[in-house]
Protein backbone atom coordinates (compact mmCIF):
# COMPACT_ATOMS: atom_id res chain seq x y z
CA LYS A 1 -12.98 44.34 63.07
CA TYR A 2 -16.33 46.13 63.18
CA ALA A 3 -15.81 47.43 59.78
CA ILE A 4 -16.94 44.22 58.20
CA VAL A 5 -20.31 45.73 58.75
CA TYR A 6 -19.58 48.12 55.77
CA TRP A 7 -19.63 44.94 53.49
CA LEU A 8 -22.68 43.46 54.90
CA GLY A 9 -24.52 46.81 54.20
CA SER A 10 -22.73 47.22 50.68
CA ALA A 11 -23.95 43.57 49.95
CA LEU A 12 -27.57 44.43 51.07
CA LEU A 13 -27.70 47.53 48.84
CA TYR A 14 -26.21 45.72 45.86
CA LEU A 15 -29.09 42.92 46.18
CA LEU A 16 -31.84 45.63 46.74
CA ALA A 17 -30.28 47.70 43.63
CA PHE A 18 -31.01 45.22 40.95
CA ARG A 19 -34.25 43.19 40.90
CA ASP A 20 -32.87 40.06 39.33
CA GLU A 21 -30.28 39.85 42.34
CA ARG A 22 -32.96 39.64 45.02
CA ARG A 23 -33.29 35.96 44.58
CA HIS A 24 -30.22 35.77 46.93
CA LEU A 25 -31.66 37.77 49.71
CA ARG A 26 -32.76 34.56 51.53
CA ARG A 27 -29.26 32.97 51.44
CA PHE A 28 -27.71 36.37 52.42
CA LEU A 29 -30.10 36.92 55.28
CA GLY A 30 -29.39 33.08 56.34
CA THR A 31 -25.58 34.04 55.96
CA ILE A 32 -26.16 36.86 58.60
CA ALA A 33 -28.05 34.70 60.96
CA LEU A 34 -24.98 32.23 60.99
CA ALA A 35 -22.49 35.27 61.35
CA LEU A 36 -24.76 36.48 64.29
CA VAL A 37 -24.46 32.95 65.92
CA ILE A 38 -20.53 33.11 65.53
CA TYR A 39 -20.58 36.72 66.82
CA ALA A 40 -22.53 35.86 69.89
CA PRO A 41 -19.63 34.90 72.34
CA ASN A 42 -18.04 38.53 71.72
CA PHE A 43 -21.69 40.27 72.08
CA LEU A 44 -21.92 38.36 75.26
CA TRP A 45 -18.52 39.52 76.47
CA ASN A 46 -19.45 42.88 75.58
CA TRP A 47 -22.63 42.92 77.44
CA ARG A 48 -21.22 41.51 80.78
CA HIS A 49 -18.20 44.46 80.29
CA GLY A 50 -20.45 47.54 79.56
CA PHE A 51 -20.04 47.08 75.93
CA VAL A 52 -16.59 48.46 76.18
CA SER A 53 -15.70 47.76 72.72
CA TYR A 54 -18.62 49.59 71.25
CA HIS A 55 -18.24 52.61 73.45
CA HIS A 56 -14.31 52.70 72.37
CA THR A 57 -15.55 52.58 68.65
CA GLU A 58 -17.81 55.38 69.66
CA ASP A 59 -15.19 57.49 71.13
CA ASN A 60 -12.93 57.17 68.27
CA ALA A 61 -15.71 58.22 65.99
CA ALA A 62 -16.26 61.22 68.19
CA LEU A 63 -19.52 62.32 67.02
CA ALA A 64 -21.00 63.68 70.34
CA GLY A 65 -21.93 67.36 69.70
CA ALA A 66 -20.64 67.08 66.13
CA GLY A 67 -20.93 70.10 63.90
CA LEU A 68 -19.77 70.71 60.28
CA HIS A 69 -15.96 70.45 59.70
CA PRO A 70 -15.12 71.01 56.00
CA ALA A 71 -11.44 71.52 56.75
CA ASN A 72 -11.38 67.95 58.26
CA LEU A 73 -13.25 66.77 55.13
CA LEU A 74 -10.51 68.00 52.66
CA ASP A 75 -7.81 66.64 54.96
CA PHE A 76 -9.36 63.34 54.75
CA LEU A 77 -9.98 63.49 51.11
CA GLY A 78 -6.43 64.64 50.40
CA SER A 79 -5.04 61.88 52.57
CA GLN A 80 -6.80 59.19 50.35
CA PHE A 81 -4.37 60.09 47.49
CA GLY A 82 -1.83 58.61 49.84
CA VAL A 83 -3.63 55.76 50.97
CA PHE A 84 -4.94 54.44 47.61
CA GLY A 85 -2.38 55.95 45.74
CA PRO A 86 -2.59 59.40 43.53
CA LEU A 87 -3.03 57.81 40.33
CA PHE A 88 -5.57 55.25 41.44
CA PHE A 89 -7.76 57.45 43.67
CA ALA A 90 -7.82 60.13 40.75
CA THR A 91 -8.90 57.21 38.47
CA LEU A 92 -11.78 56.18 41.09
CA ILE A 93 -13.00 60.05 41.32
CA VAL A 94 -13.26 59.80 37.40
CA LEU A 95 -14.99 56.70 37.65
CA ILE A 96 -17.53 58.18 40.19
CA VAL A 97 -18.18 61.05 37.69
CA LEU A 98 -18.53 58.88 34.93
CA SER A 99 -20.66 56.30 37.05
CA GLY A 100 -23.40 56.36 34.53
CA ARG A 101 -21.59 54.67 31.92
CA ALA A 102 -18.59 53.22 33.59
CA LEU A 103 -20.49 51.46 36.36
CA ARG A 104 -23.39 50.16 34.08
CA GLU A 105 -21.78 46.94 33.44
CA ARG A 106 -23.09 44.53 36.47
CA ARG A 107 -19.38 43.41 37.42
CA ALA A 108 -18.20 46.85 37.84
CA ALA A 109 -21.52 47.78 39.69
CA LEU A 110 -20.97 45.12 42.16
CA LEU A 111 -17.40 46.31 43.03
CA ALA A 112 -18.60 49.65 43.27
CA PHE A 113 -21.14 48.79 45.90
CA PHE A 114 -18.35 47.26 47.81
CA ALA A 115 -16.05 50.43 47.63
CA LEU A 116 -18.23 53.60 47.31
CA PRO A 117 -20.62 53.42 50.24
CA THR A 118 -17.74 53.11 52.74
CA LEU A 119 -15.66 55.81 51.21
CA ALA A 120 -18.87 57.85 51.16
CA LEU A 121 -19.46 57.07 54.91
CA MET A 122 -15.94 58.40 55.83
CA LEU A 123 -16.16 61.24 54.00
CA ALA A 124 -19.48 61.88 56.17
CA GLU A 125 -17.56 60.99 59.24
CA SER A 126 -14.62 63.53 58.33
CA LEU A 127 -17.15 66.28 57.78
CA LEU A 128 -19.22 65.72 60.87
CA SER A 129 -16.07 64.99 63.17
CA ARG A 130 -12.91 63.40 62.10
CA ALA A 131 -11.45 60.26 60.22
CA GLU A 132 -8.35 58.59 60.24
CA PRO A 133 -6.95 58.14 56.72
CA ASN A 134 -6.76 54.28 57.00
CA TRP A 135 -10.57 54.13 57.97
CA ALA A 136 -11.54 54.10 54.54
CA ALA A 137 -8.95 51.10 53.74
CA PRO A 138 -11.79 48.55 53.37
CA ALA A 139 -13.17 50.22 50.33
CA TYR A 140 -9.99 49.68 48.61
CA LEU A 141 -9.90 46.29 48.24
CA SER A 142 -12.91 45.93 45.68
CA ALA A 143 -11.87 49.46 44.25
CA THR A 144 -8.43 48.22 43.11
CA VAL A 145 -10.16 45.55 41.09
CA LEU A 146 -12.54 48.19 39.78
CA VAL A 147 -9.84 50.76 38.85
CA VAL A 148 -7.48 48.42 37.29
CA ALA A 149 -10.09 46.69 35.23
CA TRP A 150 -11.39 50.04 34.05
CA LEU A 151 -7.97 51.06 32.83
CA LEU A 152 -7.21 48.09 31.10
CA THR A 153 -10.59 48.13 29.47
CA CYS A 154 -9.45 51.81 28.15
CA ASN A 155 -6.08 50.86 27.15
CA LEU A 156 -4.40 52.80 30.01
CA ARG A 157 -2.14 50.18 31.15
CA VAL A 158 0.82 52.90 31.52
CA ILE A 159 -1.17 54.35 34.58
CA ILE A 160 -1.19 51.03 36.13
CA ILE A 161 2.52 50.40 35.56
CA VAL A 162 3.40 54.00 36.82
CA SER A 163 1.41 53.79 40.17
CA ILE A 164 2.66 50.45 40.88
CA ALA A 165 6.24 52.02 40.49
CA LEU A 166 5.30 54.76 42.67
CA HIS A 167 3.98 52.49 45.32
CA VAL A 168 6.89 50.32 45.30
CA ALA A 169 9.10 53.45 45.46
CA ALA A 170 6.99 54.63 48.37
CA ALA A 171 7.30 51.44 50.34
CA ALA A 172 11.11 51.51 49.78
CA VAL A 173 11.45 54.98 50.83
CA LEU A 174 9.52 54.35 54.10
CA LEU A 175 11.29 50.94 55.07
CA GLU A 176 14.90 51.59 53.80
CA LEU A 177 15.38 55.52 53.58
CA LYS A 178 17.53 55.53 56.73
CA PRO A 179 19.62 52.66 55.79
CA LEU A 180 20.06 53.81 52.43
CA ALA A 181 21.11 57.08 53.73
CA ALA A 182 23.52 55.50 56.01
CA ALA A 183 24.90 53.23 53.16
CA VAL A 184 26.37 56.50 51.71
CA GLY A 185 27.55 57.90 54.71
CA TYR A 186 24.83 60.17 55.88
CA ASP A 187 23.10 59.99 59.07
CA LEU A 188 19.37 60.82 58.31
CA PRO A 189 17.91 63.22 60.83
CA GLY A 190 15.18 61.85 62.84
CA LYS A 191 12.42 63.99 61.84
CA TYR A 192 13.14 62.86 58.38
CA ASP A 193 12.91 59.48 59.19
CA PRO A 194 9.32 58.13 58.37
CA LEU A 195 9.82 54.93 60.66
CA HIS A 196 11.24 56.93 63.91
CA ARG A 197 8.22 56.05 66.14
CA LEU A 198 9.03 52.32 65.38
CA ARG A 199 12.35 52.79 66.56
CA GLY A 200 14.38 52.53 69.97
CA TRP A 201 12.02 50.00 71.65
CA ARG A 202 14.20 47.43 72.16
CA ARG A 203 16.84 49.79 73.49
CA LEU A 204 14.43 51.10 75.90
CA GLY A 205 13.27 47.70 77.02
CA ASP A 206 16.80 46.55 77.62
CA ALA A 207 17.41 49.51 79.71
CA VAL A 208 14.19 49.31 81.67
CA GLY A 209 14.97 45.30 82.19
CA ARG A 210 18.19 46.18 83.79
CA ILE A 211 16.67 48.54 86.22
CA LEU A 212 14.05 46.08 87.05
CA ALA A 213 16.60 43.50 87.58
CA VAL A 214 18.26 45.42 90.24
CA ASN A 215 14.63 46.09 92.27
CA PRO A 216 13.10 42.73 92.64
CA GLY A 217 9.55 42.73 93.32
CA ALA A 218 9.05 46.30 91.71
CA ILE A 219 6.32 45.93 89.29
CA LEU A 220 6.41 47.92 85.82
CA LEU A 221 4.37 51.13 85.54
CA ALA A 222 3.80 53.45 82.60
CA ASP A 223 1.20 56.18 81.80
CA ASP A 224 0.93 55.47 78.02
CA ARG A 225 -0.67 52.91 76.15
CA GLU A 226 1.91 52.60 73.51
CA GLU A 227 4.52 52.50 76.00
CA ILE A 228 3.36 49.91 78.16
CA ALA A 229 2.69 47.59 75.24
CA ALA A 230 6.08 47.99 73.86
CA LEU A 231 7.94 47.56 77.24
CA GLU A 232 5.82 44.33 77.97
CA TYR A 233 7.08 43.03 74.95
CA TYR A 234 10.79 44.17 74.91
CA VAL A 235 11.64 43.82 78.57
CA ARG A 236 12.95 40.28 79.65
CA PRO A 237 11.48 38.41 81.15
CA HIS A 238 8.16 39.61 79.91
CA PRO A 239 6.53 41.86 82.88
CA PHE A 240 2.97 40.52 82.37
CA ASN A 241 2.02 42.09 85.64
CA ALA A 242 2.58 45.51 84.38
CA LEU A 243 0.13 48.38 85.15
CA LYS A 244 -0.63 51.31 82.81
CA TRP A 245 -1.45 54.34 85.15
CA ASN A 246 -5.14 55.27 85.05
CA GLY A 247 -5.52 57.73 87.84
CA GLU A 248 -8.31 59.43 86.30
CA GLY A 249 -10.49 56.27 86.09
CA GLY A 250 -12.74 55.20 83.18
CA VAL A 251 -11.92 52.23 80.66
CA HIS A 252 -10.03 53.58 77.70
CA ASP A 253 -8.29 50.41 76.38
CA GLN A 254 -7.56 46.85 77.23
CA PHE A 255 -5.12 47.65 79.83
CA ASP A 256 -7.56 49.72 81.92
CA LEU A 257 -10.26 46.77 81.18
CA THR A 258 -7.94 44.11 82.95
CA ALA A 259 -6.20 46.10 85.55
CA ASP A 260 -7.04 45.59 89.19
CA PRO A 261 -4.85 48.27 91.14
CA ASP A 262 -6.62 47.66 94.41
CA ARG A 263 -4.86 44.31 94.53
CA LEU A 264 -1.47 46.16 94.26
CA ILE A 265 -2.02 48.62 97.13
CA GLY A 266 1.25 48.78 99.28
CA ARG A 267 3.45 47.43 96.46
CA SER A 268 6.37 48.99 94.74
CA PHE A 269 6.31 49.92 91.22
CA LEU A 270 9.03 51.25 88.62
CA LEU A 271 7.67 54.25 86.55
CA VAL A 272 8.67 54.87 82.97
CA SER A 273 7.03 57.98 81.82
CA GLN A 274 7.65 60.79 79.23
CA ALA A 275 5.36 63.22 80.86
CA PRO A 276 7.03 66.41 81.95
CA ASP A 277 4.89 66.53 85.15
CA ILE A 278 4.58 63.08 87.27
CA SER A 279 3.38 64.83 90.42
CA PRO A 280 -0.16 63.29 90.18
CA ILE A 281 1.14 59.86 90.08
CA LEU A 282 3.94 60.70 92.77
CA ALA A 283 1.09 61.89 95.25
CA ARG A 284 -0.29 58.27 95.40
CA PHE A 285 2.58 56.62 96.69
CA GLY A 286 4.24 56.81 100.03
CA ALA A 287 8.01 57.15 99.01
CA ALA A 288 9.85 57.86 95.66
CA GLY A 289 13.36 57.07 94.84
CA PRO A 290 16.14 58.95 92.82
CA VAL A 291 15.06 60.12 89.13
CA GLN A 292 17.13 58.30 86.43
CA HIS A 293 16.79 59.27 83.13
CA VAL A 294 16.68 57.05 79.86
CA ILE A 295 17.44 58.78 76.50
CA ILE A 296 16.71 56.97 73.50
CA PRO A 297 18.11 58.60 70.47
CA LEU A 298 15.91 58.32 67.39
CA GLY A 299 18.49 60.04 64.81
CA PRO A 300 20.40 63.39 64.73
CA GLY A 301 18.34 66.05 66.47
CA MET A 302 15.56 63.70 67.74
CA ALA A 303 15.32 61.47 70.95
CA ARG A 304 12.90 60.16 73.25
CA GLN A 305 13.46 61.06 76.76
CA TYR A 306 11.90 58.66 79.79
CA THR A 307 11.95 59.51 83.37
CA VAL A 308 12.31 56.09 85.42
CA ARG A 309 11.71 56.14 89.19
CA LEU A 310 11.15 53.51 91.86
CA LEU A 311 7.93 54.38 93.82
CA SER A 312 6.94 52.62 97.07
CA ASP A 313 3.71 52.00 99.01
CA PHE A 314 1.13 52.48 96.38
CA LYS A 315 -1.90 53.90 98.04
CA GLY A 316 -4.46 53.47 95.22
CA TYR A 317 -6.08 55.84 92.84
CA ALA A 318 -8.55 57.27 95.05
CA ARG A 319 -7.70 60.71 96.23
CA PRO A 320 -6.68 61.05 99.85
CA ARG A 321 -9.58 62.62 102.03
CA ASP A 322 -9.00 66.05 103.89
């Protein structure tokens, strides 16, 4: 994860901030040099592939043409009460307000340097563009130690106990809400199941696997990264030659990077899609079989619906000339 760079920057800031810590600079720079040697193969791979990993990270940041988005900043700030926990994040804010006193002790300062710069960077990112709630997660490794230590120092152990209880309860709800509801005879509506996105993939894989079995030679095709990844895992035998549709071109993920659709021209595919309009895909095939529908129930009132269709004589992505 490129997020490790946050910690390198934090370490450098800490060494520069305290004169007596600068004696570690030489060893720190030596560590950086060793890290670069270890990282070199990854860098060379990116160099040979147009720095695709960096461009993907750049696309995620979405800073091109960025303005100011205070609503995104508030959304991100509010989400951190859920990521770190409401009591712990509120305590961290108090620590920041009291930073002159609370962070004066050297060990507290060390922990703060490994937490606050990352959090500040993500707040700036959310203001300039957007930031996903989990992007600040590296900050909370040291922030957890910092917050708990300060609460213990202030004899506020009760806040730690209540916070842990809240976290355990939240985890139990996220993981066990549906089976707990079933245990008392209630079928939880799909929209209230926090894990509904994780459900139904095995059933989909089984259904698609049966259709593939009666169409020997057909290559699995899907138009969504999440779906192609799940199908490659849950369909048996694993269809490792599956193709993710990328008719618009460009490299958006690992599937696009490694795909070689030109080698598959003329082949037959089994398309699995949730898209309401698959006509752009159909246009690149010579023939299409009958439409089949696979419906994956996720609970009362919610289901994923897929169109499954056998497509023959793949013509490649290029548009036909007039």
